[in-house]
Amino acid sequence: MIKVDYRHAQSRNWTEWNPWNQIKSNQELAPLFGECVAMSASGKFLVMEKLDDLTEQQVAKRLCPPWVTDKKLSAFGSNKVGEIKLRDYGQLTLGLFLAQFPGQPIPK
């Protein structure tokens, strides 16, 4: 699937591309997200894993990370083997989530 962001800075495509690249090797987080396959240099075009629409019953079975703000039905989809994933994560509140973690000393 190709997402086209017509905004000046293509911010939502970047907001999906950057987190995906941070979590794609994490065995717990990566399965929650539709895979970002490629993005144009400008960020206008984002190629993502194709996910089919869900029924409301399918969504009711899926937990949503607390930092996802777009929790509407169309933000989720399922792949060919029935795994339910987030397919629209261009709006996140990571700051509020990360603020819950305590600080650590700076290494010497």
Protein backbone atom coordinates (compact mmCIF):
# COMPACT_ATOMS: atom_id res chain seq x y z
CA MET A 1 0.00 0.00 0.00
CA ILE A 2 1.30 3.49 -0.80
CA LYS A 3 0.39 6.42 1.44
CA VAL A 4 0.69 9.89 -0.07
CA ASP A 5 1.02 12.84 2.32
CA TYR A 6 0.10 16.10 0.63
CA ARG A 7 1.15 18.31 3.55
CA HIS A 8 4.17 20.56 3.13
CA ALA A 9 6.45 18.64 5.49
CA GLN A 10 4.93 15.15 4.99
CA SER A 11 5.04 14.89 8.77
CA ARG A 12 2.66 11.95 9.20
CA ASN A 13 4.65 9.68 6.90
CA TRP A 14 7.80 10.53 8.86
CA THR A 15 5.91 9.92 12.13
CA GLU A 16 5.18 6.38 10.93
CA TRP A 17 8.58 5.74 9.32
CA ASN A 18 10.73 6.77 12.30
CA PRO A 19 9.01 4.70 15.02
CA TRP A 20 8.84 1.68 12.71
CA ASN A 21 12.58 1.80 12.16
CA GLN A 22 13.14 2.00 15.92
CA ILE A 23 10.95 -1.00 16.77
CA LYS A 24 11.13 -3.26 13.69
CA SER A 25 13.57 -5.67 15.34
CA ASN A 26 11.68 -5.72 18.67
CA GLN A 27 9.82 -9.03 18.94
CA GLU A 28 7.17 -7.56 21.26
CA LEU A 29 6.43 -4.27 19.49
CA ALA A 30 6.94 -4.97 15.78
CA PRO A 31 3.96 -7.36 15.49
CA LEU A 32 1.64 -4.53 16.64
CA PHE A 33 2.49 -2.36 13.61
CA GLY A 34 1.98 -2.55 9.89
CA GLU A 35 5.44 -2.74 8.34
CA CYS A 36 6.89 0.33 6.65
CA VAL A 37 8.69 -1.05 3.60
CA ALA A 38 10.12 2.08 1.95
CA MET A 39 9.75 5.86 1.83
CA SER A 40 10.66 8.48 -0.74
CA ALA A 41 13.46 10.90 0.18
CA SER A 42 10.95 13.73 0.56
CA GLY A 43 8.63 11.69 2.77
CA LYS A 44 5.68 12.29 0.44
CA PHE A 45 5.32 8.58 -0.42
CA LEU A 46 5.36 5.78 2.14
CA VAL A 47 5.08 2.10 1.16
CA MET A 48 3.47 0.03 3.90
CA GLU A 49 2.33 -3.53 4.39
CA LYS A 50 -1.17 -4.08 2.97
CA LEU A 51 -3.66 -4.68 5.78
CA ASP A 52 -7.32 -5.48 5.21
CA ASP A 53 -10.18 -3.73 7.03
CA LEU A 54 -11.34 -5.19 10.35
CA THR A 55 -14.70 -5.91 11.82
CA GLU A 56 -15.56 -4.35 15.18
CA GLN A 57 -15.35 -7.83 16.74
CA GLN A 58 -11.74 -8.22 15.59
CA VAL A 59 -10.75 -4.84 17.03
CA ALA A 60 -12.35 -5.68 20.39
CA LYS A 61 -9.82 -8.52 20.75
CA ARG A 62 -6.78 -6.27 20.24
CA LEU A 63 -5.01 -4.20 22.87
CA CYS A 64 -3.85 -0.76 21.82
CA PRO A 65 -0.61 0.83 23.06
CA PRO A 66 -1.40 3.81 25.33
CA TRP A 67 0.58 6.23 23.15
CA VAL A 68 -1.58 5.64 20.06
CA THR A 69 -4.04 8.51 19.76
CA ASP A 70 -5.87 7.49 16.56
CA LYS A 71 -7.91 4.56 17.87
CA LYS A 72 -10.64 4.51 15.23
CA LEU A 73 -11.54 1.24 13.49
CA SER A 74 -9.88 2.24 10.22
CA ALA A 75 -6.51 2.68 11.98
CA PHE A 76 -6.26 -1.11 12.35
CA GLY A 77 -6.08 -3.92 9.81
CA SER A 78 -5.23 -7.58 9.44
CA ASN A 79 -2.62 -9.25 7.28
CA LYS A 80 -3.04 -12.40 5.17
CA VAL A 81 -2.63 -14.70 8.18
CA GLY A 82 -5.12 -12.76 10.34
CA GLU A 83 -2.69 -10.85 12.57
CA ILE A 84 -4.23 -7.56 13.68
CA LYS A 85 -1.92 -4.56 13.34
CA LEU A 86 -1.92 -0.80 13.58
CA ARG A 87 -1.88 0.64 10.06
CA ASP A 88 -2.22 4.33 10.81
CA TYR A 89 0.16 5.57 13.48
CA GLY A 90 0.95 9.03 12.18
CA GLN A 91 -0.36 10.62 15.39
CA LEU A 92 1.40 9.48 18.53
CA THR A 93 1.82 10.83 22.07
CA LEU A 94 5.17 9.28 22.86
CA GLY A 95 6.18 12.14 25.15
CA LEU A 96 3.44 11.36 27.68
CA PHE A 97 4.30 7.67 27.58
CA LEU A 98 8.06 8.17 27.90
CA ALA A 99 7.58 10.62 30.79
CA GLN A 100 6.42 7.69 32.93
CA PHE A 101 9.92 6.20 32.98
CA PRO A 102 12.37 7.32 35.64
CA GLY A 103 15.58 9.05 34.72
CA GLN A 104 18.92 7.29 34.88
CA PRO A 105 22.37 8.61 35.73
CA ILE A 106 24.46 9.75 32.78
CA PRO A 107 27.28 7.25 32.18
CA LYS A 108 30.78 8.47 33.01
